[in-house]
Amino acid sequence: MTATDVQVRIAMRERKMGKTQEQAAAKANVRSRKTVSKYEKAGLLPSQLKKPRNYSTRSDAFSEEWPKVEGMLTDAPALEAKAIFDWLCEQHPGKYQEGQLRTLQRRISRWRAFNQGQTATLDQVRVPGEMMQLDGTWMTTLAVTIAGQPFKHMLMHAVLPYSNWEWGRVVQSESLGAVQLGLQSALFKLGHLPTIIQTDNSSAATRRLRQDESAPSGAERPYTDDYLHILDHYGVQPQSIHIGASNENGDVEAANGALKRAVEQYLLLRGSRDFETLEAYELFLFGIMEKRNVGRQERLAVELAVMKPLSATALATSKKVRARVSHGSVIRVLAKSYSVPTSLIGKMVVVYVHEWSLEIYYAGQLMETVARLIGNAVHRINYRHVIDSLLRKPGGFRRYRYRDDLFPSLVFQRAWEALQTWYGPRRADLTYLRVLQLAAKQLECDVAIALELLVAAGKKWDETDVESLLAVESATVPVLEQQTVVLLDYDQLLTGVAL
């Protein structure tokens, strides 16, 4: 019987007290006197006598292919065991079973331990008030909707590494405007200035080197002039992490995940992920960050004590652009095209570009507010702006460059396709444009419902059928009996005397 260290210690203690080996064995719950004698002679515990096993208890299923696997790992250290196992199964059909994957994983893990070094994480000493880390993180996985529509967005997240105090703003990209919005919001919320603002190497803060220049000391990419202008305005210094070394921004990276997990929990408690407006959603996030910051006040006070108070005024977060309205009633702003009312054709307008919207002014008057485009979307044409022009020239609809923008939803496109099966090209286009005019003059959602019904029916229809479905009976206004007001009654109430 194999004894444990505890049993042997009990047996040796009993022997020192003068007990026989049989008595010591019984006290330690060891089956045989010989076991006590064995460890008494050795003077060692079972764990000290145990020798490491340097042999395998079963044959190595990967011994023939291991030299190839080893060469693959040497040439491509990032290869994972699962990919190698799948490759082996393809090379040798039927030779390996799914349950052998774990065996290969263990062997590759041991090989890495002996042959592949790793980059250690170096714990940093955080100096109070020295640094603020800034990073954009996608929040789309939270499945938040605004007025029922999916909301793709980021959070520009600022964190003080010493106290973990955090603040953030909802943005739609990691642009310079988004960085400015997130940074300014955090600084004005804090009311104080750190010495350094640290970011990654996003194109908002840094740029590629030209052939005739070198990067500034301590950085791999030079900073953009606009980013430096923002930091100079507030009197803080820029600092960027090394390319591919996101761990250098580890505090804000860790806070990104922690905040998203907290938001997920609060969304579950709320019982709904839908918000009426962007502002309502952002207020929800502000409330969560305020609660998370409550427990950080003691260390935050240490930081604020060594920070400079914020004295600079806020920079404008919008960008002013001048654009001329084309003959197609379209303006081009930051490489994107937007339609405007046709009354502005040929006019020069002023556009204020905000994070989420564009405000279009003419002669000092706000003419239009449109959602700002980002990413691959390059144009947004509002059918309400051009429908009258299209009805005057219906032949231009079929080859219109922005025709796809004139289908407000899928049912409108399905309706146009259905019309083409019943009518000739000109009649189909004209009918659809008249339907679109109804949507412009009345509620688009009502027209969409009418189209759903007509398309589902599968029968031939035109704009008059849509219009008939939209028609509602006028409400009957009740006739009220005219009442005669006797002013003496009010005098009686005031004086309390019957007249």
Foldseek 3Di string as FASTA:
>chain_A
DDDAQQLLVQLVVVVVVVDQLVVSCVRSVHDDSVVNVVCVVVVDGPVVPDDDDPDDPDDDLCVVVVVVVVVVCVVPVVDALVVVVVVVCVVPPPSDDPVCSVVSNVVVVVVCVVPPDDDDQDDDDADFLAEKEWDKDWLQVLQFAAQPHRDTWIWTKIARQQLRQIDTDIFRDPALLRNLVGVVVVCVVLQFHGQEYEYECDPRFFDADDPPDADPPQARTHTDPVNVVSCVLFNHYYHYDYPPPCCVSVSVVVVVVVLSVQVSVVCVVVVDSYHHDPVRVRVVSVVSSVVVCPVRVVSNVVNVVPTGGGDGDRDDSWDKDKWAQACQQWTADPQAIEHFANVRHGHIWIWIHHRFWIFIDDPRDTRDIGTDDDDPHRYAYDCLRCLVVCLVVVVCQVVPPPNVNLQVDPLLVLQLVLLVVPDPPSQSSNQSSLLSVVCSVDPVVLLSVQSVVVVVVSDDDTNVSSVVSVDDDDDDDDDDDDDDDDCVVVVCVVVVDDD
